C-alpha atoms as a PDB file:
ATOM      1  CA  MET A   1       4.130  -5.317 -10.125  1.00  0.00           C
ATOM      2  CA  SER A   2       1.723  -2.658 -11.337  1.00  0.00           C
ATOM      3  CA  TRP A   3       1.090   0.507  -9.353  1.00  0.00           C
ATOM      4  CA  ASN A   4      -2.453  -0.323  -8.304  1.00  0.00           C
ATOM      5  CA  GLN A   5      -1.251  -3.644  -6.858  1.00  0.00           C
ATOM      6  CA  TRP A   6       1.480  -2.074  -4.740  1.00  0.00           C
ATOM      7  CA  PRO A   7       1.117  -3.209  -1.104  1.00  0.00           C
ATOM      8  CA  GLU A   8       0.226  -0.694   1.582  1.00  0.00           C
ATOM      9  CA  PRO A   9       3.485   0.506   3.153  1.00  0.00           C
ATOM     10  CA  GLU A  10       4.036  -0.337   6.794  1.00  0.00           C
ATOM     11  CA  ARG A  11       4.250   2.408   9.404  1.00  0.00           C
ATOM     12  CA  SER A  12       7.921   2.510  10.384  1.00  0.00           C
ATOM     13  CA  ARG A  13       9.321   2.638  13.888  1.00  0.00           C
ATOM     14  CA  ARG A  14      11.747   5.395  14.781  1.00  0.00           C
ATOM     15  CA  PRO A  15      15.046   4.234  13.213  1.00  0.00           C
ATOM     16  CA  SER A  16      18.372   4.141  15.024  1.00  0.00           C
ATOM     17  CA  VAL A  17      20.424   6.595  12.983  1.00  0.00           C
ATOM     18  CA  HIS A  18      24.100   5.998  12.259  1.00  0.00           C
ATOM     19  CA  LYS A  19      25.713   9.412  12.024  1.00  0.00           C
ATOM     20  CA  LEU A  20      27.828   9.741   8.898  1.00  0.00           C
ATOM     21  CA  SER A  21      30.472  12.334   8.246  1.00  0.00           C
ATOM     22  CA  GLN A  22      30.327  14.328   5.030  1.00  0.00           C
ATOM     23  CA  GLU A  23      33.189  12.179   3.703  1.00  0.00           C
ATOM     24  CA  GLN A  24      31.337   8.944   4.541  1.00  0.00           C
ATOM     25  CA  ALA A  25      28.080  10.224   3.064  1.00  0.00           C
ATOM     26  CA  ALA A  26      29.614  11.484  -0.203  1.00  0.00           C
ATOM     27  CA  PRO A  27      29.910   8.129  -2.090  1.00  0.00           C
ATOM     28  CA  ILE A  28      26.417   7.077  -0.945  1.00  0.00           C
ATOM     29  CA  LEU A  29      24.978  10.399  -2.084  1.00  0.00           C
ATOM     30  CA  LYS A  30      26.708   9.992  -5.447  1.00  0.00           C
ATOM     31  CA  GLY A  31      25.195   6.529  -5.915  1.00  0.00           C
ATOM     32  CA  LEU A  32      21.682   7.654  -4.942  1.00  0.00           C
ATOM     33  CA  THR A  33      21.923  10.674  -7.243  1.00  0.00           C
ATOM     34  CA  SER A  34      22.996   8.436 -10.114  1.00  0.00           C
ATOM     35  CA  ALA A  35      19.984   6.184  -9.438  1.00  0.00           C
ATOM     36  CA  ILE A  36      17.595   9.147  -9.597  1.00  0.00           C
ATOM     37  CA  GLN A  37      19.118  10.268 -12.884  1.00  0.00           C
ATOM     38  CA  LYS A  38      18.286   6.863 -14.399  1.00  0.00           C
ATOM     39  CA  SER A  39      14.565   7.329 -13.720  1.00  0.00           C
ATOM     40  CA  MET A  40      13.184   9.506 -16.503  1.00  0.00           C
ATOM     41  CA  VAL A  41       9.986  10.335 -14.606  1.00  0.00           C
ATOM     42  CA  LEU A  42      11.845  11.474 -11.495  1.00  0.00           C
ATOM     43  CA  MET A  43      14.150  13.611 -13.628  1.00  0.00           C
ATOM     44  CA  GLU A  44      11.221  15.089 -15.561  1.00  0.00           C
ATOM     45  CA  LEU A  45       9.645  15.937 -12.203  1.00  0.00           C
ATOM     46  CA  HIS A  46      12.834  17.705 -11.074  1.00  0.00           C
ATOM     47  CA  HIS A  47      13.913  15.416  -8.257  1.00  0.00           C
ATOM     48  CA  ALA A  48      17.253  15.726  -6.512  1.00  0.00           C
ATOM     49  CA  MET A  49      18.973  14.042  -3.595  1.00  0.00           C
ATOM     50  CA  ARG A  50      20.720  15.881  -0.749  1.00  0.00           C
ATOM     51  CA  PHE A  51      22.356  14.972   2.559  1.00  0.00           C
ATOM     52  CA  ALA A  52      21.370  16.935   5.673  1.00  0.00           C
ATOM     53  CA  ARG A  53      21.082  16.292   9.416  1.00  0.00           C
ATOM     54  CA  GLY A  54      22.397  12.742   9.035  1.00  0.00           C
ATOM     55  CA  ARG A  55      19.854  11.607   6.420  1.00  0.00           C
ATOM     56  CA  PHE A  56      19.509  11.611   2.637  1.00  0.00           C
ATOM     57  CA  TYR A  57      16.433  13.405   1.311  1.00  0.00           C
ATOM     58  CA  LEU A  58      14.763  12.951  -2.058  1.00  0.00           C
ATOM     59  CA  GLU A  59      13.188  16.280  -2.961  1.00  0.00           C
ATOM     60  CA  ARG A  60      11.032  17.500  -5.791  1.00  0.00           C
ATOM     61  CA  THR A  61      11.957  21.065  -6.683  1.00  0.00           C
ATOM     62  CA  PRO A  62       9.709  23.512  -8.542  1.00  0.00           C
ATOM     63  CA  ASP A  63      10.347  24.703 -12.065  1.00  0.00           C
ATOM     64  CA  TYR A  64       8.887  27.614 -13.979  1.00  0.00           C
ATOM     65  CA  LEU A  65       5.974  25.494 -15.230  1.00  0.00           C
ATOM     66  CA  VAL A  66       4.870  24.147 -11.851  1.00  0.00           C
ATOM     67  CA  ARG A  67       3.382  26.290  -9.105  1.00  0.00           C
ATOM     68  CA  MET A  68       4.649  24.389  -6.086  1.00  0.00           C
ATOM     69  CA  GLU A  69       7.082  24.615  -3.196  1.00  0.00           C
ATOM     70  CA  LYS A  70      10.028  22.282  -2.717  1.00  0.00           C
ATOM     71  CA  GLU A  71       8.667  18.968  -1.423  1.00  0.00           C
ATOM     72  CA  VAL A  72      10.402  16.142   0.441  1.00  0.00           C
ATOM     73  CA  VAL A  73       9.235  12.951  -1.282  1.00  0.00           C
ATOM     74  CA  ALA A  74      11.318  10.389   0.623  1.00  0.00           C
ATOM     75  CA  ARG A  75      14.110  10.107   3.135  1.00  0.00           C
ATOM     76  CA  ILE A  76      16.879   7.543   3.482  1.00  0.00           C
ATOM     77  CA  THR A  77      18.327   6.866   6.913  1.00  0.00           C
ATOM     78  CA  PRO A  78      21.712   5.204   7.569  1.00  0.00           C
ATOM     79  CA  LEU A  79      21.039   2.654  10.311  1.00  0.00           C
ATOM     80  CA  SER A  80      23.363   1.855  13.185  1.00  0.00           C
ATOM     81  CA  ASP A  81      21.826  -1.615  13.471  1.00  0.00           C
ATOM     82  CA  PRO A  82      22.271  -3.420  11.185  1.00  0.00           C
ATOM     83  CA  SER A  83      25.449  -1.610  10.216  1.00  0.00           C
ATOM     84  CA  GLY A  84      25.865  -0.389   6.636  1.00  0.00           C
ATOM     85  CA  VAL A  85      22.134  -0.633   5.906  1.00  0.00           C
ATOM     86  CA  LEU A  86      19.876   2.164   4.654  1.00  0.00           C
ATOM     87  CA  LEU A  87      16.160   2.603   5.352  1.00  0.00           C
ATOM     88  CA  LEU A  88      14.057   4.115   2.535  1.00  0.00           C
ATOM     89  CA  GLU A  89      10.824   5.762   3.720  1.00  0.00           C
ATOM     90  CA  SER A  90       8.159   7.889   2.104  1.00  0.00           C
ATOM     91  CA  GLY A  91       5.660  10.176   3.738  1.00  0.00           C
ATOM     92  CA  ARG A  92       4.587  13.690   4.493  1.00  0.00           C
ATOM     93  CA  GLY A  93       4.960  15.793   7.603  1.00  0.00           C
ATOM     94  CA  HIS A  94       5.706  13.582  10.590  1.00  0.00           C
ATOM     95  CA  ARG A  95       4.261  10.358   9.124  1.00  0.00           C
ATOM     96  CA  TRP A  96       6.848   8.111   7.502  1.00  0.00           C
ATOM     97  CA  TYR A  97       6.311   4.646   6.029  1.00  0.00           C
ATOM     98  CA  THR A  98       8.896   1.994   5.263  1.00  0.00           C
ATOM     99  CA  ILE A  99       9.445   1.214   1.593  1.00  0.00           C
ATOM    100  CA  LYS A 100      12.708  -0.736   1.563  1.00  0.00           C
ATOM    101  CA  GLN A 101      15.653  -1.602   3.795  1.00  0.00           C
ATOM    102  CA  GLY A 102      19.016  -2.773   2.478  1.00  0.00           C
ATOM    103  CA  LYS A 103      22.542  -1.955   1.407  1.00  0.00           C
ATOM    104  CA  PRO A 104      23.089   1.268  -0.608  1.00  0.00           C
ATOM    105  CA  VAL A 105      23.105  -0.677  -3.884  1.00  0.00           C
ATOM    106  CA  THR A 106      19.693  -2.173  -3.030  1.00  0.00           C
ATOM    107  CA  ILE A 107      18.185   1.240  -2.252  1.00  0.00           C
ATOM    108  CA  SER A 108      19.700   2.697  -5.429  1.00  0.00           C
ATOM    109  CA  ARG A 109      18.229  -0.137  -7.497  1.00  0.00           C
ATOM    110  CA  THR A 110      14.821   0.412  -5.881  1.00  0.00           C
ATOM    111  CA  LEU A 111      14.873   4.114  -6.779  1.00  0.00           C
ATOM    112  CA  THR A 112      15.973   3.388 -10.346  1.00  0.00           C
ATOM    113  CA  GLN A 113      13.534   0.596 -11.128  1.00  0.00           C
ATOM    114  CA  GLN A 114      10.571   1.357  -8.863  1.00  0.00           C
ATOM    115  CA  GLY A 115      10.837   4.970  -7.690  1.00  0.00           C
ATOM    116  CA  ALA A 116       8.435   6.414 -10.261  1.00  0.00           C
ATOM    117  CA  GLU A 117       5.936   3.674  -9.414  1.00  0.00           C
ATOM    118  CA  ILE A 118       6.246   4.013  -5.650  1.00  0.00           C
ATOM    119  CA  PHE A 119       5.921   7.790  -5.501  1.00  0.00           C
ATOM    120  CA  TYR A 120       3.704   8.596  -8.501  1.00  0.00           C
ATOM    121  CA  GLY A 121       2.168   5.438  -9.938  1.00  0.00           C
ATOM    122  CA  LEU A 122       4.051   6.093 -13.194  1.00  0.00           C
ATOM    123  CA  GLY A 123       6.171   2.965 -13.403  1.00  0.00           C
ATOM    124  CA  ALA A 124       4.912   1.878 -16.830  1.00  0.00           C
ATOM    125  CA  LEU A 125       5.543   5.319 -18.308  1.00  0.00           C
ATOM    126  CA  ASP A 126       8.985   5.483 -16.695  1.00  0.00           C
ATOM    127  CA  ALA A 127       9.949   2.145 -18.260  1.00  0.00           C
ATOM    128  CA  LYS A 128       8.872   3.376 -21.692  1.00  0.00           C
ATOM    129  CA  LEU A 129      10.785   6.644 -21.281  1.00  0.00           C
ATOM    130  CA  ARG A 130      13.946   4.790 -20.290  1.00  0.00           C
ATOM    131  CA  GLU A 131      13.488   2.561 -23.330  1.00  0.00           C
ATOM    132  CA  ASP A 132      13.049   5.684 -25.462  1.00  0.00           C
ATOM    133  CA  LEU A 133      16.347   7.024 -24.145  1.00  0.00           C
ATOM    134  CA  LYS A 134      18.156   3.849 -25.160  1.00  0.00           C
ATOM    135  CA  LEU A 135      16.560   4.034 -28.615  1.00  0.00           C
ATOM    136  CA  ASN A 136      17.441   7.734 -28.847  1.00  0.00           C
ATOM    137  CA  PHE A 137      13.933   8.987 -29.519  1.00  0.00           C
ATOM    138  CA  LYS A 138      11.164  10.616 -27.516  1.00  0.00           C
ATOM    139  CA  ASN A 139       7.418  10.966 -27.879  1.00  0.00           C
ATOM    140  CA  HIS A 140       7.284   9.337 -31.322  1.00  0.00           C
ATOM    141  CA  ARG A 141       5.542   6.080 -30.464  1.00  0.00           C
ATOM    142  CA  GLU A 142       2.616   5.395 -32.754  1.00  0.00           C
ATOM    143  CA  ILE A 143      -0.644   4.907 -30.869  1.00  0.00           C
ATOM    144  CA  ASP A 144      -3.991   3.642 -32.157  1.00  0.00           C
ATOM    145  CA  ARG A 145      -7.159   4.892 -30.488  1.00  0.00           C
ATOM    146  CA  ASP A 146     -10.322   2.812 -30.199  1.00  0.00           C
ATOM    147  CA  ASN A 147     -12.827   5.000 -28.352  1.00  0.00           C
ATOM    148  CA  ASN A 148     -11.192   5.476 -24.946  1.00  0.00           C
ATOM    149  CA  GLU A 149      -8.701   2.614 -25.283  1.00  0.00           C
ATOM    150  CA  PHE A 150      -5.200   3.125 -26.657  1.00  0.00           C
ATOM    151  CA  ARG A 151      -2.700   0.600 -28.003  1.00  0.00           C
ATOM    152  CA  TYR A 152       0.836   0.743 -29.316  1.00  0.00           C
ATOM    153  CA  ARG A 153       0.558   0.198 -33.047  1.00  0.00           C
ATOM    154  CA  GLU A 154       3.706  -1.882 -33.354  1.00  0.00           C
ATOM    155  CA  THR A 155       2.956  -4.402 -30.590  1.00  0.00           C
ATOM    156  CA  GLY A 156      -0.782  -4.088 -29.901  1.00  0.00           C
ATOM    157  CA  GLU A 157       0.024  -3.576 -26.212  1.00  0.00           C
ATOM    158  CA  VAL A 158      -2.634  -1.606 -24.307  1.00  0.00           C
ATOM    159  CA  CYS A 159      -1.379   1.733 -22.980  1.00  0.00           C
ATOM    160  CA  SER A 160      -1.912   2.845 -19.430  1.00  0.00           C
ATOM    161  CA  VAL A 161      -3.837   6.089 -19.004  1.00  0.00           C
ATOM    162  CA  GLN A 162      -0.597   7.904 -18.223  1.00  0.00           C
ATOM    163  CA  GLU A 163       1.132   6.493 -21.313  1.00  0.00           C
ATOM    164  CA  ALA A 164      -1.808   7.608 -23.480  1.00  0.00           C
ATOM    165  CA  LEU A 165      -1.719  11.092 -21.955  1.00  0.00           C
ATOM    166  CA  TYR A 166       1.988  11.372 -22.722  1.00  0.00           C
ATOM    167  CA  TYR A 167       2.408   9.696 -26.109  1.00  0.00           C
ATOM    168  CA  TYR A 168      -0.986  10.313 -27.731  1.00  0.00           C
ATOM    169  CA  PHE A 169      -2.103  13.649 -26.304  1.00  0.00           C
ATOM    170  CA  GLY A 170       1.338  15.117 -25.613  1.00  0.00           C
ATOM    171  CA  LEU A 171       0.930  16.095 -21.947  1.00  0.00           C
ATOM    172  CA  LEU A 172       4.050  16.839 -19.934  1.00  0.00           C
ATOM    173  CA  VAL A 173       4.994  14.481 -17.098  1.00  0.00           C
ATOM    174  CA  ASP A 174       4.498  17.383 -14.648  1.00  0.00           C
ATOM    175  CA  VAL A 175       0.797  17.455 -15.564  1.00  0.00           C
ATOM    176  CA  ILE A 176       0.324  13.692 -15.808  1.00  0.00           C
ATOM    177  CA  ALA A 177       1.695  13.210 -12.278  1.00  0.00           C
ATOM    178  CA  GLU A 178      -1.213  15.192 -10.854  1.00  0.00           C
ATOM    179  CA  PRO A 179      -3.242  14.772  -8.768  1.00  0.00           C
ATOM    180  CA  SER A 180      -0.293  13.334  -6.836  1.00  0.00           C
ATOM    181  CA  ASP A 181      -2.272  13.017  -3.593  1.00  0.00           C
ATOM    182  CA  TRP A 182      -4.804  10.745  -5.311  1.00  0.00           C
ATOM    183  CA  TYR A 183      -2.014   8.616  -6.718  1.00  0.00           C
ATOM    184  CA  ALA A 184      -0.543   8.388  -3.205  1.00  0.00           C
ATOM    185  CA  TYR A 185      -3.788   6.696  -2.119  1.00  0.00           C
ATOM    186  CA  ARG A 186      -3.598   4.315  -5.117  1.00  0.00           C
ATOM    187  CA  ARG A 187      -6.585   5.643  -6.972  1.00  0.00           C
ATOM    188  CA  HIS A 188      -6.666   4.021 -10.402  1.00  0.00           C
ATOM    189  CA  PRO A 189      -7.325   6.321 -13.401  1.00  0.00           C
ATOM    190  CA  VAL A 190      -9.724   5.512 -16.256  1.00  0.00           C
ATOM    191  CA  ILE A 191     -10.515   7.768 -19.216  1.00  0.00           C
ATOM    192  CA  VAL A 192     -14.291   8.270 -19.361  1.00  0.00           C
ATOM    193  CA  GLU A 193     -14.666  10.964 -22.042  1.00  0.00           C
ATOM    194  CA  ILE A 194     -12.581  12.744 -24.678  1.00  0.00           C
ATOM    195  CA  SER A 195     -13.702  15.871 -26.492  1.00  0.00           C
ATOM    196  CA  ASP A 196     -14.050  15.796 -30.286  1.00  0.00           C
ATOM    197  CA  ASP A 197     -11.035  18.076 -30.702  1.00  0.00           C
ATOM    198  CA  GLU A 198      -9.048  15.930 -28.201  1.00  0.00           C
ATOM    199  CA  LEU A 199      -8.221  18.989 -26.093  1.00  0.00           C
ATOM    200  CA  ALA A 200     -10.226  17.910 -23.036  1.00  0.00           C
ATOM    201  CA  ILE A 201      -9.937  14.536 -21.299  1.00  0.00           C
ATOM    202  CA  LEU A 202     -12.134  13.501 -18.378  1.00  0.00           C
ATOM    203  CA  VAL A 203     -10.428  10.931 -16.137  1.00  0.00           C
ATOM    204  CA  ARG A 204     -12.041   9.144 -13.210  1.00  0.00           C
ATOM    205  CA  PHE A 205      -9.909   7.885 -10.320  1.00  0.00           C
ATOM    206  CA  SER A 206     -11.135   5.103  -8.073  1.00  0.00           C
ATOM    207  CA  ALA A 207      -9.931   2.754  -5.356  1.00  0.00           C
ATOM    208  CA  GLU A 208     -11.426   0.270  -2.943  1.00  0.00           C
ATOM    209  CA  SER A 209     -11.353   0.736   0.806  1.00  0.00           C
ATOM    210  CA  LEU A 210     -10.622  -2.094   3.222  1.00  0.00           C
ATOM    211  CA  ASP A 211     -14.343  -2.805   3.618  1.00  0.00           C
ATOM    212  CA  GLY A 212     -14.760  -3.228  -0.150  1.00  0.00           C
ATOM    213  CA  SER A 213     -16.509   0.073  -0.830  1.00  0.00           C
ATOM    214  CA  SER A 214     -15.217   2.278  -3.636  1.00  0.00           C
ATOM    215  CA  PHE A 215     -14.180   5.909  -3.509  1.00  0.00           C
ATOM    216  CA  GLY A 216     -12.447   8.293  -5.849  1.00  0.00           C
ATOM    217  CA  GLY A 217     -12.776  11.484  -7.825  1.00  0.00           C
ATOM    218  CA  THR A 218     -12.645  13.001 -11.294  1.00  0.00           C
ATOM    219  CA  CYS A 219     -10.105  15.235 -13.033  1.00  0.00           C
ATOM    220  CA  LEU A 220     -10.300  17.201 -16.243  1.00  0.00           C
ATOM    221  CA  TYR A 221      -7.113  17.507 -18.283  1.00  0.00           C
ATOM    222  CA  LEU A 222      -7.628  20.568 -20.445  1.00  0.00           C
ATOM    223  CA  PHE A 223      -5.575  22.364 -23.106  1.00  0.00           C
ATOM    224  CA  ARG A 224      -6.108  26.102 -22.735  1.00  0.00           C
ATOM    225  CA  GLU A 225      -3.922  29.178 -23.103  1.00  0.00           C
ATOM    226  CA  ASP A 226      -1.425  27.083 -25.090  1.00  0.00           C
ATOM    227  CA  GLU A 227      -0.694  24.508 -22.392  1.00  0.00           C
ATOM    228  CA  TRP A 228      -2.228  21.541 -20.580  1.00  0.00           C
ATOM    229  CA  TYR A 229      -3.774  21.929 -17.138  1.00  0.00           C
ATOM    230  CA  VAL A 230      -5.366  19.481 -14.729  1.00  0.00           C
ATOM    231  CA  TYR A 231      -8.386  20.343 -12.566  1.00  0.00           C
ATOM    232  CA  LYS A 232     -10.074  18.368  -9.819  1.00  0.00           C
ATOM    233  CA  ILE A 233     -13.838  18.479 -10.425  1.00  0.00           C
ATOM    234  CA  ARG A 234     -16.513  18.471  -7.738  1.00  0.00           C
ATOM    235  CA  PRO A 235     -18.289  15.075  -7.835  1.00  0.00           C
ATOM    236  CA  ASN A 236     -21.755  16.440  -8.675  1.00  0.00           C
ATOM    237  CA  GLN A 237     -20.272  18.407 -11.600  1.00  0.00           C
ATOM    238  CA  SER A 238     -18.090  15.667 -13.082  1.00  0.00           C
ATOM    239  CA  SER A 239     -20.501  13.536 -15.108  1.00  0.00           C
ATOM    240  CA  THR A 240     -19.393  15.000 -18.469  1.00  0.00           C
ATOM    241  CA  ILE A 241     -16.778  17.316 -19.926  1.00  0.00           C
ATOM    242  CA  SER A 242     -19.484  19.916 -20.581  1.00  0.00           C
ATOM    243  CA  SER A 243     -20.664  19.992 -16.977  1.00  0.00           C
ATOM    244  CA  ALA A 244     -17.084  20.171 -15.731  1.00  0.00           C
ATOM    245  CA  LEU A 245     -16.280  23.095 -18.047  1.00  0.00           C
ATOM    246  CA  LEU A 246     -19.376  25.040 -16.999  1.00  0.00           C
ATOM    247  CA  TRP A 247     -18.482  24.528 -13.351  1.00  0.00           C
ATOM    248  CA  LEU A 248     -14.863  25.614 -13.888  1.00  0.00           C
ATOM    249  CA  GLU A 249     -15.914  28.738 -15.786  1.00  0.00           C
ATOM    250  CA  LYS A 250     -18.189  29.768 -12.899  1.00  0.00           C
ATOM    251  CA  ARG A 251     -15.294  29.245 -10.490  1.00  0.00           C
ATOM    252  CA  LYS A 252     -12.909  31.218 -12.747  1.00  0.00           C
ATOM    253  CA  TRP A 253     -10.855  28.090 -13.433  1.00  0.00           C
ATOM    254  CA  GLN A 254     -10.258  27.126  -9.818  1.00  0.00           C
ATOM    255  CA  GLY A 255     -10.516  23.358  -9.323  1.00  0.00           C
ATOM    256  CA  TRP A 256     -12.143  21.535  -6.428  1.00  0.00           C
END
C-alpha cells in the first residue's frame, strides 16, 4: 500500500497497561531494536527504541546535521488485556492514534516493513535502500530524467519524488524527510520545477480534505553552502523557483 493511500489512523482509547519488569521488557526491547535496524530510513533518521515508565518509545535523536530536539515518534504499550499483546501508536503531545495491535513479532514486522511509510511516507525509498544493502551498493542506481519525471534505467519503473531526490539529486534522507509535518497529514509531493543547474527543486505538496477540497504547500530544496536545505515557501511566493529565491533572500533564508 502506498503512503498516500494509508488509512487515517483511529484515535485510540486509553490502554490498560501491563507493567513489565526490566527483565521481562529486555527481550521485547531487543526485538523492537532489531526491527528498527532493518529499516534503512529509520536508521538514517537516527531512530532508537527505549523502555521507560512501562512503555517502549521510538525516538528520533538529533545528529550534527539536523537542528532538532529529540522527538518521540511512536510508543508501544504492553497490554494487560489481551495478555502478551502490544499496542503500537503514533502521535504528538497528548494525542495518540492506533497503528497496530498484536504480538511482539507482529509489531516488529510492522516497524521493519512499514515503519518508514507510516511515520514519514518513505516506504518506497526504504524498500530500495534495503535492497541496496542486500546488493552491497548505495546511491548508484542509474536514473533517466524526462522533464520532471524520473525512471530507473534498468527497469523503466517510475521513481517516487523521494527516490528521485535521493538517487538522482543526491539529497540525504534527513532532508528528504522534511517537511515531516506535511507528510504526517499525507500531503503528496510532486516536482513542479527544476533549475537548469539542478541545484534547486520546487516541490508542491497536496492532499484532499474530507469534503473533496484540496490543500497543500510548496517547498524548495536548495543546494547552498555545500549542502542541501529544504525551505517552506509562502503560497503567494511559490509559483516559480525564482520567486521563491527572491522571497527567501529578503527573509535572510528563513522559510515560511
